[in-house]
Each structure stands twice: as structure tokens, then as C-alpha cells.
Amino acid sequence: MYIADLHIHSRYSRATSKEGTVPMLDLWASRKGIGLVGTGDFTHPAWRKELEEMLVPDGSGLYVLREDQCIEPDTAAAGRPRFVVTGEISSIYKKDGKVRKVHSLIILPGLEAAEKISKSWRPLAIFILTDGRF
């Protein structure tokens, strides 16, 4: 069983902390007892590159932060948080004269799938390079 936070955004999204790096997400998840963290914004190319460089498969279909990237390396053996590749689709529409927004979370089987989906969605996504949200 995991305590999970699956709805996060990368540091490339609007209105997010620029300190939201993978090592910082790992650190704070560990401190808060969160065992599973969504990567968020898998469609943003710079964020996806960071994920590919900093995360390694743990053998269960999830990822862990590379040990050499841990901010508190002394606790690395104590069970690091796991990461799962996630993103968000923002559906915006009007109903009864009001703008409505629905955010749907997507969970992917891995970074390879994220690359494939991102390439196929790229022509449809206006804000991917500026926000990372689809």
C-alpha cells in the first residue's frame, strides 16, 4: 500500500515552484511519508528529459531517483519514494455561458510510452513548451 500524490506539475508549468526538481520531489515525499509520486507533465520535453536522466526503473514498473541524485543520501537505503509517469489533460468547454474545466490525470506504464504519446500529441498541443499541460 502506498500513500500517493498523483496530481503534481513540473517546475515548467505556470504557477509552480522552480525548485520542483526531481530530487526535491523525492526529498519532500520522503519527509512526508508519501511512497508514490506522479511525475506530472510528461508531455513537456525538458521535464521528460530530466525524468529520463534522474529516474531509474525499480523492477516493479515504477521508478526511483538515482542514488547519486538524492539530496539526503543517508536515507536512500531506507526506502525511497517511487515515481509513476503521469500527466494531465485539461478539457475546457462552455456550459450555460460559463467556462468549465475538467482535469483528467493520465498514468502511463513508463517513460517510453510518454515519449511515444508526446510525439503523437505534439501537433495538437499549443502550450506544451510553455506549460507542460495538454
N, C-alpha and C. Protein backbone atom coordinates (compact mmCIF):
# COMPACT_ATOMS: atom_id res chain seq x y z
N MET A 1 0.84 -1.17 0.00
CA MET A 1 0.00 0.00 0.00
C MET A 1 0.89 1.24 0.00
N TYR A 2 0.50 2.24 -0.79
CA TYR A 2 1.23 3.49 -0.87
C TYR A 2 0.34 4.65 -0.48
N ILE A 3 0.91 5.63 0.17
CA ILE A 3 0.32 6.96 0.24
C ILE A 3 0.85 7.66 -1.00
N ALA A 4 -0.05 8.21 -1.81
CA ALA A 4 0.36 8.72 -3.11
C ALA A 4 -0.07 10.17 -3.34
N ASP A 5 0.73 10.88 -4.12
CA ASP A 5 0.38 12.19 -4.64
C ASP A 5 0.55 12.09 -6.15
N LEU A 6 -0.56 11.97 -6.85
CA LEU A 6 -0.50 11.75 -8.30
C LEU A 6 -0.79 13.01 -9.11
N HIS A 7 -1.26 14.07 -8.47
CA HIS A 7 -1.58 15.28 -9.22
C HIS A 7 -0.59 16.39 -8.87
N ILE A 8 0.55 16.33 -9.51
CA ILE A 8 1.55 17.39 -9.35
C ILE A 8 1.86 17.95 -10.73
N HIS A 9 2.58 19.04 -10.75
CA HIS A 9 3.04 19.63 -12.01
C HIS A 9 4.54 19.84 -11.92
N SER A 10 5.15 19.86 -13.07
CA SER A 10 6.60 20.07 -13.13
C SER A 10 6.92 21.53 -12.86
N ARG A 11 8.20 21.78 -12.71
CA ARG A 11 8.62 23.16 -12.48
C ARG A 11 8.49 24.01 -13.74
N TYR A 12 8.13 23.38 -14.85
CA TYR A 12 7.93 24.11 -16.11
C TYR A 12 6.51 24.63 -16.26
N SER A 13 5.60 24.19 -15.43
CA SER A 13 4.21 24.65 -15.50
C SER A 13 4.07 26.04 -14.89
N ARG A 14 3.02 26.72 -15.35
CA ARG A 14 2.71 28.03 -14.77
C ARG A 14 2.36 27.88 -13.30
N ALA A 15 2.71 28.88 -12.54
CA ALA A 15 2.33 28.98 -11.13
C ALA A 15 2.85 27.81 -10.29
N THR A 16 4.04 27.34 -10.61
CA THR A 16 4.66 26.28 -9.81
C THR A 16 6.05 26.73 -9.39
N SER A 17 6.58 26.10 -8.37
CA SER A 17 7.90 26.44 -7.87
C SER A 17 8.98 25.98 -8.84
N LYS A 18 9.94 26.83 -9.10
CA LYS A 18 11.07 26.46 -9.95
C LYS A 18 12.01 25.51 -9.23
N GLU A 19 11.79 25.32 -7.92
CA GLU A 19 12.57 24.36 -7.15
C GLU A 19 11.95 22.97 -7.16
N GLY A 20 10.92 22.78 -7.95
CA GLY A 20 10.25 21.49 -8.05
C GLY A 20 11.01 20.52 -8.93
N THR A 21 12.24 20.25 -8.55
CA THR A 21 13.08 19.31 -9.30
C THR A 21 12.78 17.88 -8.85
N VAL A 22 13.24 16.91 -9.60
CA VAL A 22 13.02 15.51 -9.22
C VAL A 22 13.65 15.22 -7.86
N PRO A 23 14.90 15.65 -7.59
CA PRO A 23 15.46 15.40 -6.26
C PRO A 23 14.66 16.05 -5.13
N MET A 24 14.11 17.24 -5.36
CA MET A 24 13.31 17.89 -4.33
C MET A 24 11.98 17.17 -4.12
N LEU A 25 11.36 16.70 -5.20
CA LEU A 25 10.13 15.93 -5.06
C LEU A 25 10.39 14.67 -4.25
N ASP A 26 11.52 14.02 -4.52
CA ASP A 26 11.92 12.82 -3.78
C ASP A 26 12.12 13.15 -2.31
N LEU A 27 12.84 14.21 -2.04
CA LEU A 27 13.13 14.61 -0.66
C LEU A 27 11.85 14.87 0.13
N TRP A 28 10.97 15.70 -0.42
CA TRP A 28 9.78 16.08 0.33
C TRP A 28 8.77 14.94 0.42
N ALA A 29 8.69 14.12 -0.60
CA ALA A 29 7.82 12.95 -0.49
C ALA A 29 8.32 12.05 0.63
N SER A 30 9.62 11.85 0.70
CA SER A 30 10.21 11.01 1.73
C SER A 30 9.93 11.58 3.12
N ARG A 31 10.10 12.87 3.27
CA ARG A 31 9.88 13.52 4.58
C ARG A 31 8.41 13.45 5.01
N LYS A 32 7.50 13.48 4.03
CA LYS A 32 6.07 13.48 4.34
C LYS A 32 5.46 12.08 4.38
N GLY A 33 6.25 11.07 4.09
CA GLY A 33 5.72 9.72 4.11
C GLY A 33 4.95 9.33 2.87
N ILE A 34 5.17 10.05 1.78
CA ILE A 34 4.50 9.74 0.53
C ILE A 34 5.34 8.70 -0.21
N GLY A 35 4.75 7.57 -0.50
CA GLY A 35 5.50 6.48 -1.10
C GLY A 35 5.43 6.41 -2.61
N LEU A 36 4.46 7.12 -3.21
CA LEU A 36 4.29 7.09 -4.67
C LEU A 36 3.98 8.50 -5.15
N VAL A 37 4.79 8.99 -6.08
CA VAL A 37 4.66 10.34 -6.60
C VAL A 37 4.47 10.29 -8.10
N GLY A 38 3.47 11.01 -8.60
CA GLY A 38 3.31 11.16 -10.04
C GLY A 38 4.34 12.13 -10.56
N THR A 39 4.83 11.89 -11.75
CA THR A 39 5.83 12.80 -12.32
C THR A 39 5.21 14.10 -12.78
N GLY A 40 3.95 14.04 -13.20
CA GLY A 40 3.29 15.22 -13.76
C GLY A 40 3.92 15.64 -15.08
N ASP A 41 3.13 16.26 -15.93
CA ASP A 41 3.59 16.94 -17.15
C ASP A 41 4.53 16.13 -18.03
N PHE A 42 4.26 14.85 -18.23
CA PHE A 42 5.15 14.02 -19.04
C PHE A 42 5.27 14.53 -20.47
N THR A 43 4.35 15.39 -20.92
CA THR A 43 4.40 15.89 -22.29
C THR A 43 5.42 17.00 -22.50
N HIS A 44 5.92 17.61 -21.43
CA HIS A 44 6.90 18.70 -21.59
C HIS A 44 8.27 18.09 -21.87
N PRO A 45 8.88 18.42 -23.02
CA PRO A 45 10.13 17.76 -23.41
C PRO A 45 11.30 17.95 -22.44
N ALA A 46 11.46 19.15 -21.89
CA ALA A 46 12.58 19.38 -20.97
C ALA A 46 12.37 18.59 -19.67
N TRP A 47 11.13 18.53 -19.20
CA TRP A 47 10.84 17.79 -17.97
C TRP A 47 11.02 16.29 -18.21
N ARG A 48 10.55 15.81 -19.36
CA ARG A 48 10.71 14.40 -19.69
C ARG A 48 12.19 14.03 -19.76
N LYS A 49 13.01 14.92 -20.29
CA LYS A 49 14.45 14.67 -20.35
C LYS A 49 15.03 14.55 -18.94
N GLU A 50 14.62 15.45 -18.04
CA GLU A 50 15.09 15.37 -16.65
C GLU A 50 14.66 14.06 -16.01
N LEU A 51 13.42 13.66 -16.26
CA LEU A 51 12.93 12.40 -15.70
C LEU A 51 13.77 11.22 -16.20
N GLU A 52 14.07 11.23 -17.50
CA GLU A 52 14.87 10.14 -18.08
C GLU A 52 16.28 10.10 -17.50
N GLU A 53 16.84 11.28 -17.19
CA GLU A 53 18.20 11.35 -16.66
C GLU A 53 18.27 11.00 -15.17
N MET A 54 17.21 11.27 -14.42
CA MET A 54 17.28 11.15 -12.96
C MET A 54 16.57 9.94 -12.37
N LEU A 55 15.67 9.34 -13.13
CA LEU A 55 14.93 8.20 -12.60
C LEU A 55 15.42 6.90 -13.22
N VAL A 56 15.39 5.85 -12.43
CA VAL A 56 15.75 4.51 -12.91
C VAL A 56 14.62 3.55 -12.55
N PRO A 57 14.35 2.57 -13.41
CA PRO A 57 13.31 1.58 -13.09
C PRO A 57 13.68 0.81 -11.82
N ASP A 58 12.66 0.51 -11.01
CA ASP A 58 12.92 -0.24 -9.77
C ASP A 58 12.60 -1.73 -9.93
N GLY A 59 12.16 -2.14 -11.12
CA GLY A 59 11.86 -3.54 -11.37
C GLY A 59 10.40 -3.90 -11.17
N SER A 60 9.60 -2.97 -10.64
CA SER A 60 8.19 -3.26 -10.40
C SER A 60 7.27 -2.48 -11.34
N GLY A 61 7.85 -1.77 -12.30
CA GLY A 61 7.05 -0.92 -13.18
C GLY A 61 7.05 0.53 -12.73
N LEU A 62 7.69 0.80 -11.61
CA LEU A 62 7.81 2.16 -11.10
C LEU A 62 9.26 2.60 -11.21
N TYR A 63 9.53 3.84 -10.84
CA TYR A 63 10.87 4.41 -10.91
C TYR A 63 11.30 4.90 -9.54
N VAL A 64 12.61 5.01 -9.34
CA VAL A 64 13.19 5.64 -8.16
C VAL A 64 14.24 6.64 -8.62
N LEU A 65 14.51 7.60 -7.77
CA LEU A 65 15.56 8.58 -8.06
C LEU A 65 16.92 7.88 -8.00
N ARG A 66 17.79 8.20 -8.95
CA ARG A 66 19.15 7.66 -8.91
C ARG A 66 19.80 8.06 -7.59
N GLU A 67 20.50 7.12 -6.99
CA GLU A 67 21.10 7.39 -5.66
C GLU A 67 22.03 8.60 -5.67
N ASP A 68 22.77 8.81 -6.75
CA ASP A 68 23.70 9.94 -6.79
C ASP A 68 22.98 11.29 -6.90
N GLN A 69 21.64 11.27 -7.06
CA GLN A 69 20.86 12.50 -7.13
C GLN A 69 20.12 12.80 -5.83
N CYS A 70 20.16 11.88 -4.87
CA CYS A 70 19.44 12.07 -3.60
C CYS A 70 20.03 13.23 -2.81
N ILE A 71 19.17 14.09 -2.32
CA ILE A 71 19.60 15.23 -1.52
C ILE A 71 20.05 14.77 -0.14
N GLU A 72 19.36 13.80 0.41
CA GLU A 72 19.73 13.22 1.70
C GLU A 72 20.14 11.77 1.46
N PRO A 73 21.37 11.55 0.99
CA PRO A 73 21.78 10.19 0.62
C PRO A 73 21.78 9.19 1.76
N ASP A 74 21.89 9.66 3.00
CA ASP A 74 21.90 8.75 4.15
C ASP A 74 20.60 7.97 4.27
N THR A 75 19.53 8.54 3.74
CA THR A 75 18.23 7.87 3.86
C THR A 75 17.88 7.07 2.60
N ALA A 76 18.77 7.04 1.62
CA ALA A 76 18.47 6.37 0.35
C ALA A 76 18.14 4.90 0.54
N ALA A 77 18.80 4.24 1.45
CA ALA A 77 18.56 2.82 1.67
C ALA A 77 17.28 2.56 2.45
N ALA A 78 16.74 3.58 3.08
CA ALA A 78 15.57 3.41 3.94
C ALA A 78 14.26 3.32 3.17
N GLY A 79 14.32 3.23 1.86
CA GLY A 79 13.10 3.13 1.07
C GLY A 79 12.69 4.46 0.47
N ARG A 80 13.18 4.72 -0.70
CA ARG A 80 12.87 5.97 -1.39
C ARG A 80 11.45 5.93 -1.93
N PRO A 81 10.86 7.09 -2.13
CA PRO A 81 9.56 7.14 -2.80
C PRO A 81 9.69 6.60 -4.22
N ARG A 82 8.64 6.03 -4.71
CA ARG A 82 8.57 5.56 -6.09
C ARG A 82 7.89 6.62 -6.93
N PHE A 83 8.21 6.63 -8.22
CA PHE A 83 7.60 7.56 -9.17
C PHE A 83 6.86 6.78 -10.23
N VAL A 84 5.72 7.31 -10.64
CA VAL A 84 4.96 6.77 -11.75
C VAL A 84 4.76 7.91 -12.74
N VAL A 85 4.82 7.60 -14.03
CA VAL A 85 4.72 8.62 -15.07
C VAL A 85 3.27 9.07 -15.21
N THR A 86 3.06 10.37 -14.99
CA THR A 86 1.71 10.93 -15.05
C THR A 86 1.68 12.23 -15.84
N GLY A 87 0.48 12.60 -16.21
CA GLY A 87 0.25 13.87 -16.89
C GLY A 87 -1.20 14.27 -16.71
N GLU A 88 -1.56 15.36 -17.33
CA GLU A 88 -2.92 15.89 -17.18
C GLU A 88 -3.45 16.34 -18.52
N ILE A 89 -4.70 16.03 -18.76
CA ILE A 89 -5.41 16.60 -19.91
C ILE A 89 -6.41 17.59 -19.33
N SER A 90 -6.35 18.81 -19.81
CA SER A 90 -7.26 19.84 -19.35
C SER A 90 -8.33 20.04 -20.43
N SER A 91 -9.55 19.68 -20.10
CA SER A 91 -10.67 19.84 -21.03
C SER A 91 -11.41 21.11 -20.64
N ILE A 92 -11.48 22.05 -21.56
CA ILE A 92 -12.11 23.34 -21.30
C ILE A 92 -13.29 23.48 -22.26
N TYR A 93 -14.44 23.81 -21.70
CA TYR A 93 -15.64 23.96 -22.53
C TYR A 93 -16.57 24.97 -21.86
N LYS A 94 -17.60 25.37 -22.62
CA LYS A 94 -18.60 26.29 -22.07
C LYS A 94 -19.91 25.55 -21.88
N LYS A 95 -20.56 25.85 -20.76
CA LYS A 95 -21.88 25.32 -20.48
C LYS A 95 -22.67 26.39 -19.76
N ASP A 96 -23.86 26.65 -20.25
CA ASP A 96 -24.71 27.69 -19.65
C ASP A 96 -23.99 29.03 -19.54
N GLY A 97 -23.18 29.34 -20.55
CA GLY A 97 -22.49 30.62 -20.59
C GLY A 97 -21.27 30.73 -19.68
N LYS A 98 -20.91 29.64 -19.00
CA LYS A 98 -19.75 29.66 -18.11
C LYS A 98 -18.67 28.72 -18.64
N VAL A 99 -17.43 29.13 -18.43
CA VAL A 99 -16.31 28.28 -18.81
C VAL A 99 -16.15 27.19 -17.76
N ARG A 100 -16.06 25.97 -18.21
CA ARG A 100 -15.88 24.81 -17.32
C ARG A 100 -14.55 24.16 -17.64
N LYS A 101 -13.90 23.63 -16.61
CA LYS A 101 -12.62 22.95 -16.79
C LYS A 101 -12.65 21.62 -16.05
N VAL A 102 -12.22 20.59 -16.74
CA VAL A 102 -12.10 19.28 -16.14
C VAL A 102 -10.66 18.82 -16.36
N HIS A 103 -9.99 18.43 -15.29
CA HIS A 103 -8.62 17.93 -15.39
C HIS A 103 -8.64 16.42 -15.20
N SER A 104 -8.18 15.72 -16.20
CA SER A 104 -8.11 14.26 -16.14
C SER A 104 -6.65 13.85 -16.01
N LEU A 105 -6.35 13.00 -15.04
CA LEU A 105 -4.99 12.52 -14.86
C LEU A 105 -4.77 11.28 -15.70
N ILE A 106 -3.58 11.18 -16.26
CA ILE A 106 -3.19 10.02 -17.06
C ILE A 106 -2.01 9.36 -16.37
N ILE A 107 -2.10 8.06 -16.22
CA ILE A 107 -0.99 7.29 -15.66
C ILE A 107 -0.47 6.37 -16.76
N LEU A 108 0.84 6.45 -17.02
CA LEU A 108 1.44 5.68 -18.11
C LEU A 108 2.31 4.56 -17.56
N PRO A 109 2.56 3.54 -18.39
CA PRO A 109 3.39 2.42 -17.94
C PRO A 109 4.88 2.74 -17.87
N GLY A 110 5.32 3.85 -18.46
CA GLY A 110 6.74 4.18 -18.40
C GLY A 110 7.10 5.37 -19.26
N LEU A 111 8.38 5.73 -19.20
CA LEU A 111 8.86 6.90 -19.94
C LEU A 111 8.87 6.67 -21.45
N GLU A 112 9.00 5.42 -21.88
CA GLU A 112 8.96 5.12 -23.31
C GLU A 112 7.57 5.46 -23.87
N ALA A 113 6.54 5.10 -23.14
CA ALA A 113 5.18 5.43 -23.55
C ALA A 113 4.96 6.94 -23.56
N ALA A 114 5.56 7.63 -22.59
CA ALA A 114 5.44 9.09 -22.53
C ALA A 114 6.04 9.74 -23.77
N GLU A 115 7.17 9.23 -24.20
CA GLU A 115 7.82 9.76 -25.41
C GLU A 115 6.93 9.53 -26.64
N LYS A 116 6.42 8.35 -26.76
CA LYS A 116 5.58 8.00 -27.91
C LYS A 116 4.31 8.84 -27.96
N ILE A 117 3.62 8.94 -26.84
CA ILE A 117 2.39 9.72 -26.78
C ILE A 117 2.67 11.20 -27.02
N SER A 118 3.73 11.71 -26.43
CA SER A 118 4.06 13.13 -26.59
C SER A 118 4.32 13.48 -28.04
N LYS A 119 5.01 12.61 -28.76
CA LYS A 119 5.26 12.87 -30.19
C LYS A 119 3.96 12.88 -30.98
N SER A 120 3.06 11.95 -30.68
CA SER A 120 1.82 11.89 -31.45
C SER A 120 0.88 13.05 -31.11
N TRP A 121 0.94 13.56 -29.88
CA TRP A 121 0.07 14.66 -29.47
C TRP A 121 0.64 16.03 -29.81
N ARG A 122 1.90 16.11 -30.11
CA ARG A 122 2.56 17.41 -30.30
C ARG A 122 1.83 18.36 -31.25
N PRO A 123 1.33 17.89 -32.42
CA PRO A 123 0.62 18.83 -33.31
C PRO A 123 -0.66 19.41 -32.70
N LEU A 124 -1.22 18.75 -31.70
CA LEU A 124 -2.47 19.19 -31.08
C LEU A 124 -2.26 20.10 -29.88
N ALA A 125 -1.07 20.14 -29.36
CA ALA A 125 -0.81 20.81 -28.08
C ALA A 125 -0.20 22.19 -28.29
N ILE A 126 -0.93 23.19 -27.89
CA ILE A 126 -0.49 24.57 -28.07
C ILE A 126 0.52 24.98 -27.00
N PHE A 127 0.30 24.59 -25.75
CA PHE A 127 1.08 25.12 -24.63
C PHE A 127 2.13 24.16 -24.09
N ILE A 128 2.43 23.09 -24.78
CA ILE A 128 3.35 22.09 -24.25
C ILE A 128 4.71 22.71 -23.88
N LEU A 129 5.28 23.53 -24.72
CA LEU A 129 6.61 24.08 -24.45
C LEU A 129 6.59 25.17 -23.39
N THR A 130 5.46 25.81 -23.20
CA THR A 130 5.41 26.88 -22.21
C THR A 130 4.84 26.44 -20.88
N ASP A 131 4.09 25.35 -20.88
CA ASP A 131 3.39 24.97 -19.65
C ASP A 131 3.51 23.50 -19.30
N GLY A 132 3.63 22.63 -20.27
CA GLY A 132 3.72 21.22 -19.98
C GLY A 132 2.38 20.53 -19.79
N ARG A 133 1.33 21.28 -19.90
CA ARG A 133 -0.02 20.69 -19.77
C ARG A 133 -0.62 20.50 -21.14
N PHE A 134 -1.39 19.46 -21.28
CA PHE A 134 -2.03 19.19 -22.57
C PHE A 134 -3.50 19.49 -22.46
